[in-house]
Amino acid sequence: MKNVEMTVQGTWLTIKVDLSKEFGPSASGKTIIIASTEGNVTIPDRQEKVGLNVYRKK
């Protein structure tokens, strides 16, 4: 994962992303990647999965 923190408290999932970071352009070059789980990942200590991409226009 890039720039993604996930925590679980009870039944609540909290996702934290630092919006000041950048990881370069997307494959198409149209957007700048800020954070990504890089596919679907399992939530810590759970069976559920999450897939996340945070980006902005170039």
PDB file of N, CA and C in Angstrom:
ATOM      1  N   MET A   1       0.843  -1.183   0.000  1.00  0.00           N
ATOM      2  CA  MET A   1       0.000   0.000   0.000  1.00  0.00           C
ATOM      3  C   MET A   1       0.886   1.242   0.000  1.00  0.00           C
ATOM      4  N   LYS A   2       0.387   2.267  -0.633  1.00  0.00           N
ATOM      5  CA  LYS A   2       1.088   3.546  -0.669  1.00  0.00           C
ATOM      6  C   LYS A   2       0.260   4.595   0.042  1.00  0.00           C
ATOM      7  N   ASN A   3       0.782   5.128   1.159  1.00  0.00           N
ATOM      8  CA  ASN A   3       0.182   6.268   1.842  1.00  0.00           C
ATOM      9  C   ASN A   3      -1.230   5.966   2.349  1.00  0.00           C
ATOM     10  N   VAL A   4      -1.485   4.749   2.799  1.00  0.00           N
ATOM     11  CA  VAL A   4      -2.800   4.361   3.332  1.00  0.00           C
ATOM     12  C   VAL A   4      -2.599   3.680   4.682  1.00  0.00           C
ATOM     13  N   GLU A   5      -3.307   4.169   5.704  1.00  0.00           N
ATOM     14  CA  GLU A   5      -3.320   3.524   7.019  1.00  0.00           C
ATOM     15  C   GLU A   5      -4.747   3.124   7.330  1.00  0.00           C
ATOM     16  N   MET A   6      -4.938   1.876   7.724  1.00  0.00           N
ATOM     17  CA  MET A   6      -6.272   1.394   8.086  1.00  0.00           C
ATOM     18  C   MET A   6      -6.249   0.890   9.515  1.00  0.00           C
ATOM     19  N   THR A   7      -7.258   1.286  10.295  1.00  0.00           N
ATOM     20  CA  THR A   7      -7.424   0.782  11.648  1.00  0.00           C
ATOM     21  C   THR A   7      -8.878   0.390  11.850  1.00  0.00           C
ATOM     22  N   VAL A   8      -9.092  -0.605  12.708  1.00  0.00           N
ATOM     23  CA  VAL A   8     -10.437  -1.065  13.025  1.00  0.00           C
ATOM     24  C   VAL A   8     -10.642  -0.926  14.524  1.00  0.00           C
ATOM     25  N   GLN A   9     -11.756  -0.273  14.903  1.00  0.00           N
ATOM     26  CA  GLN A   9     -12.154  -0.180  16.303  1.00  0.00           C
ATOM     27  C   GLN A   9     -13.595  -0.666  16.374  1.00  0.00           C
ATOM     28  N   GLY A  10     -13.785  -1.830  16.953  1.00  0.00           N
ATOM     29  CA  GLY A  10     -15.116  -2.432  16.971  1.00  0.00           C
ATOM     30  C   GLY A  10     -15.524  -2.786  15.553  1.00  0.00           C
ATOM     31  N   THR A  11     -16.595  -2.179  15.090  1.00  0.00           N
ATOM     32  CA  THR A  11     -17.053  -2.430  13.719  1.00  0.00           C
ATOM     33  C   THR A  11     -16.772  -1.249  12.790  1.00  0.00           C
ATOM     34  N   TRP A  12     -15.959  -0.304  13.241  1.00  0.00           N
ATOM     35  CA  TRP A  12     -15.648   0.885  12.444  1.00  0.00           C
ATOM     36  C   TRP A  12     -14.261   0.794  11.826  1.00  0.00           C
ATOM     37  N   LEU A  13     -14.207   0.966  10.510  1.00  0.00           N
ATOM     38  CA  LEU A  13     -12.944   1.025   9.774  1.00  0.00           C
ATOM     39  C   LEU A  13     -12.591   2.484   9.538  1.00  0.00           C
ATOM     40  N   THR A  14     -11.363   2.872   9.908  1.00  0.00           N
ATOM     41  CA  THR A  14     -10.874   4.221   9.663  1.00  0.00           C
ATOM     42  C   THR A  14      -9.719   4.136   8.680  1.00  0.00           C
ATOM     43  N   ILE A  15      -9.796   4.946   7.629  1.00  0.00           N
ATOM     44  CA  ILE A  15      -8.745   4.998   6.614  1.00  0.00           C
ATOM     45  C   ILE A  15      -8.120   6.384   6.658  1.00  0.00           C
ATOM     46  N   LYS A  16      -6.775   6.421   6.782  1.00  0.00           N
ATOM     47  CA  LYS A  16      -6.065   7.699   6.824  1.00  0.00           C
ATOM     48  C   LYS A  16      -5.151   7.808   5.609  1.00  0.00           C
ATOM     49  N   VAL A  17      -5.203   8.978   4.951  1.00  0.00           N
ATOM     50  CA  VAL A  17      -4.372   9.265   3.788  1.00  0.00           C
ATOM     51  C   VAL A  17      -3.790  10.658   3.958  1.00  0.00           C
ATOM     52  N   ASP A  18      -2.491  10.804   3.754  1.00  0.00           N
ATOM     53  CA  ASP A  18      -1.845  12.113   3.800  1.00  0.00           C
ATOM     54  C   ASP A  18      -1.987  12.746   2.418  1.00  0.00           C
ATOM     55  N   LEU A  19      -2.854  13.754   2.303  1.00  0.00           N
ATOM     56  CA  LEU A  19      -3.145  14.367   1.009  1.00  0.00           C
ATOM     57  C   LEU A  19      -2.012  15.246   0.478  1.00  0.00           C
ATOM     58  N   SER A  20      -0.966  15.456   1.279  1.00  0.00           N
ATOM     59  CA  SER A  20       0.166  16.262   0.819  1.00  0.00           C
ATOM     60  C   SER A  20       1.180  15.443   0.017  1.00  0.00           C
ATOM     61  N   LYS A  21       1.049  14.123   0.018  1.00  0.00           N
ATOM     62  CA  LYS A  21       2.008  13.263  -0.687  1.00  0.00           C
ATOM     63  C   LYS A  21       1.572  13.002  -2.126  1.00  0.00           C
ATOM     64  N   GLU A  22       2.550  12.720  -2.974  1.00  0.00           N
ATOM     65  CA  GLU A  22       2.295  12.354  -4.370  1.00  0.00           C
ATOM     66  C   GLU A  22       3.216  11.206  -4.752  1.00  0.00           C
ATOM     67  N   PHE A  23       2.720  10.324  -5.626  1.00  0.00           N
ATOM     68  CA  PHE A  23       3.518   9.185  -6.079  1.00  0.00           C
ATOM     69  C   PHE A  23       3.660   9.165  -7.596  1.00  0.00           C
ATOM     70  N   GLY A  24       3.539  10.338  -8.219  1.00  0.00           N
ATOM     71  CA  GLY A  24       3.745  10.438  -9.652  1.00  0.00           C
ATOM     72  C   GLY A  24       2.471  10.227 -10.444  1.00  0.00           C
ATOM     73  N   PRO A  25       2.618  10.244 -11.765  1.00  0.00           N
ATOM     74  CA  PRO A  25       1.445  10.131 -12.638  1.00  0.00           C
ATOM     75  C   PRO A  25       0.895   8.709 -12.694  1.00  0.00           C
ATOM     76  N   SER A  26      -0.393   8.631 -13.026  1.00  0.00           N
ATOM     77  CA  SER A  26      -1.030   7.333 -13.260  1.00  0.00           C
ATOM     78  C   SER A  26      -0.501   6.758 -14.563  1.00  0.00           C
ATOM     79  N   ALA A  27      -0.909   5.543 -14.875  1.00  0.00           N
ATOM     80  CA  ALA A  27      -0.454   4.890 -16.106  1.00  0.00           C
ATOM     81  C   ALA A  27      -0.871   5.687 -17.343  1.00  0.00           C
ATOM     82  N   SER A  28      -2.052   6.291 -17.305  1.00  0.00           N
ATOM     83  CA  SER A  28      -2.529   7.072 -18.452  1.00  0.00           C
ATOM     84  C   SER A  28      -1.881   8.444 -18.509  1.00  0.00           C
ATOM     85  N   GLY A  29      -1.346   8.908 -17.366  1.00  0.00           N
ATOM     86  CA  GLY A  29      -0.717  10.219 -17.316  1.00  0.00           C
ATOM     87  C   GLY A  29      -1.695  11.363 -17.096  1.00  0.00           C
ATOM     88  N   LYS A  30      -2.970  11.065 -16.916  1.00  0.00           N
ATOM     89  CA  LYS A  30      -3.982  12.108 -16.754  1.00  0.00           C
ATOM     90  C   LYS A  30      -4.148  12.568 -15.312  1.00  0.00           C
ATOM     91  N   THR A  31      -3.703  11.750 -14.368  1.00  0.00           N
ATOM     92  CA  THR A  31      -3.879  12.073 -12.953  1.00  0.00           C
ATOM     93  C   THR A  31      -2.580  11.844 -12.186  1.00  0.00           C
ATOM     94  N   ILE A  32      -2.517  12.431 -10.984  1.00  0.00           N
ATOM     95  CA  ILE A  32      -1.398  12.237 -10.063  1.00  0.00           C
ATOM     96  C   ILE A  32      -1.892  11.339  -8.931  1.00  0.00           C
ATOM     97  N   ILE A  33      -1.178  10.269  -8.662  1.00  0.00           N
ATOM     98  CA  ILE A  33      -1.558   9.325  -7.606  1.00  0.00           C
ATOM     99  C   ILE A  33      -1.135   9.883  -6.250  1.00  0.00           C
ATOM    100  N   ILE A  34      -2.082   9.896  -5.308  1.00  0.00           N
ATOM    101  CA  ILE A  34      -1.821  10.369  -3.948  1.00  0.00           C
ATOM    102  C   ILE A  34      -1.734   9.190  -2.982  1.00  0.00           C
ATOM    103  N   ALA A  35      -2.590   8.189  -3.177  1.00  0.00           N
ATOM    104  CA  ALA A  35      -2.583   7.008  -2.306  1.00  0.00           C
ATOM    105  C   ALA A  35      -3.257   5.853  -3.030  1.00  0.00           C
ATOM    106  N   SER A  36      -2.858   4.635  -2.677  1.00  0.00           N
ATOM    107  CA  SER A  36      -3.463   3.461  -3.289  1.00  0.00           C
ATOM    108  C   SER A  36      -3.214   2.229  -2.439  1.00  0.00           C
ATOM    109  N   THR A  37      -4.214   1.350  -2.411  1.00  0.00           N
ATOM    110  CA  THR A  37      -4.001   0.050  -1.797  1.00  0.00           C
ATOM    111  C   THR A  37      -3.351  -0.898  -2.796  1.00  0.00           C
ATOM    112  N   GLU A  38      -3.216  -0.460  -4.049  1.00  0.00           N
ATOM    113  CA  GLU A  38      -2.616  -1.251  -5.126  1.00  0.00           C
ATOM    114  C   GLU A  38      -3.353  -2.578  -5.301  1.00  0.00           C
ATOM    115  N   GLY A  39      -4.659  -2.470  -5.443  1.00  0.00           N
ATOM    116  CA  GLY A  39      -5.512  -3.649  -5.566  1.00  0.00           C
ATOM    117  C   GLY A  39      -6.339  -3.814  -4.311  1.00  0.00           C
ATOM    118  N   ASN A  40      -7.041  -4.918  -4.224  1.00  0.00           N
ATOM    119  CA  ASN A  40      -7.875  -5.190  -3.060  1.00  0.00           C
ATOM    120  C   ASN A  40      -7.040  -5.834  -1.962  1.00  0.00           C
ATOM    121  N   VAL A  41      -7.154  -5.302  -0.750  1.00  0.00           N
ATOM    122  CA  VAL A  41      -6.401  -5.828   0.392  1.00  0.00           C
ATOM    123  C   VAL A  41      -7.365  -6.158   1.520  1.00  0.00           C
ATOM    124  N   THR A  42      -6.995  -7.122   2.328  1.00  0.00           N
ATOM    125  CA  THR A  42      -7.811  -7.527   3.467  1.00  0.00           C
ATOM    126  C   THR A  42      -7.667  -6.508   4.588  1.00  0.00           C
ATOM    127  N   ILE A  43      -8.779  -6.147   5.195  1.00  0.00           N
ATOM    128  CA  ILE A  43      -8.781  -5.238   6.339  1.00  0.00           C
ATOM    129  C   ILE A  43      -8.143  -5.963   7.516  1.00  0.00           C
ATOM    130  N   PRO A  44      -7.282  -5.271   8.291  1.00  0.00           N
ATOM    131  CA  PRO A  44      -6.587  -5.938   9.399  1.00  0.00           C
ATOM    132  C   PRO A  44      -7.532  -6.681  10.344  1.00  0.00           C
ATOM    133  N   ASP A  45      -7.221  -7.939  10.596  1.00  0.00           N
ATOM    134  CA  ASP A  45      -7.960  -8.792  11.540  1.00  0.00           C
ATOM    135  C   ASP A  45      -9.427  -8.998  11.147  1.00  0.00           C
ATOM    136  N   ARG A  46      -9.735  -8.890   9.852  1.00  0.00           N
ATOM    137  CA  ARG A  46     -11.106  -9.065   9.364  1.00  0.00           C
ATOM    138  C   ARG A  46     -11.082  -9.914   8.097  1.00  0.00           C
ATOM    139  N   GLN A  47     -12.257 -10.268   7.591  1.00  0.00           N
ATOM    140  CA  GLN A  47     -12.359 -11.006   6.335  1.00  0.00           C
ATOM    141  C   GLN A  47     -12.689 -10.090   5.159  1.00  0.00           C
ATOM    142  N   GLU A  48     -13.183  -8.888   5.441  1.00  0.00           N
ATOM    143  CA  GLU A  48     -13.550  -7.953   4.388  1.00  0.00           C
ATOM    144  C   GLU A  48     -12.317  -7.407   3.678  1.00  0.00           C
ATOM    145  N   LYS A  49     -12.535  -6.961   2.458  1.00  0.00           N
ATOM    146  CA  LYS A  49     -11.452  -6.381   1.662  1.00  0.00           C
ATOM    147  C   LYS A  49     -11.826  -4.966   1.244  1.00  0.00           C
ATOM    148  N   VAL A  50     -10.800  -4.168   0.932  1.00  0.00           N
ATOM    149  CA  VAL A  50     -11.015  -2.801   0.454  1.00  0.00           C
ATOM    150  C   VAL A  50     -10.047  -2.532  -0.697  1.00  0.00           C
ATOM    151  N   GLY A  51     -10.511  -1.789  -1.676  1.00  0.00           N
ATOM    152  CA  GLY A  51      -9.684  -1.314  -2.776  1.00  0.00           C
ATOM    153  C   GLY A  51      -9.817   0.195  -2.842  1.00  0.00           C
ATOM    154  N   LEU A  52      -8.703   0.921  -2.783  1.00  0.00           N
ATOM    155  CA  LEU A  52      -8.757   2.371  -2.665  1.00  0.00           C
ATOM    156  C   LEU A  52      -7.737   3.021  -3.593  1.00  0.00           C
ATOM    157  N   ASN A  53      -8.169   4.044  -4.312  1.00  0.00           N
ATOM    158  CA  ASN A  53      -7.282   4.907  -5.088  1.00  0.00           C
ATOM    159  C   ASN A  53      -7.664   6.340  -4.806  1.00  0.00           C
ATOM    160  N   VAL A  54      -6.679   7.169  -4.452  1.00  0.00           N
ATOM    161  CA  VAL A  54      -6.891   8.598  -4.258  1.00  0.00           C
ATOM    162  C   VAL A  54      -5.993   9.303  -5.256  1.00  0.00           C
ATOM    163  N   TYR A  55      -6.576  10.197  -6.052  1.00  0.00           N
ATOM    164  CA  TYR A  55      -5.821  10.865  -7.111  1.00  0.00           C
ATOM    165  C   TYR A  55      -6.415  12.232  -7.391  1.00  0.00           C
ATOM    166  N   ARG A  56      -5.678  13.051  -8.119  1.00  0.00           N
ATOM    167  CA  ARG A  56      -6.179  14.350  -8.562  1.00  0.00           C
ATOM    168  C   ARG A  56      -5.801  14.567 -10.017  1.00  0.00           C
ATOM    169  N   LYS A  57      -6.528  15.446 -10.672  1.00  0.00           N
ATOM    170  CA  LYS A  57      -6.221  15.742 -12.072  1.00  0.00           C
ATOM    171  C   LYS A  57      -4.868  16.417 -12.163  1.00  0.00           C
ATOM    172  N   LYS A  58      -4.175  16.156 -13.231  1.00  0.00           N
ATOM    173  CA  LYS A  58      -2.843  16.699 -13.455  1.00  0.00           C
ATOM    174  C   LYS A  58      -2.888  18.173 -13.755  1.00  0.00           C
TER     175      LYS A  58
END
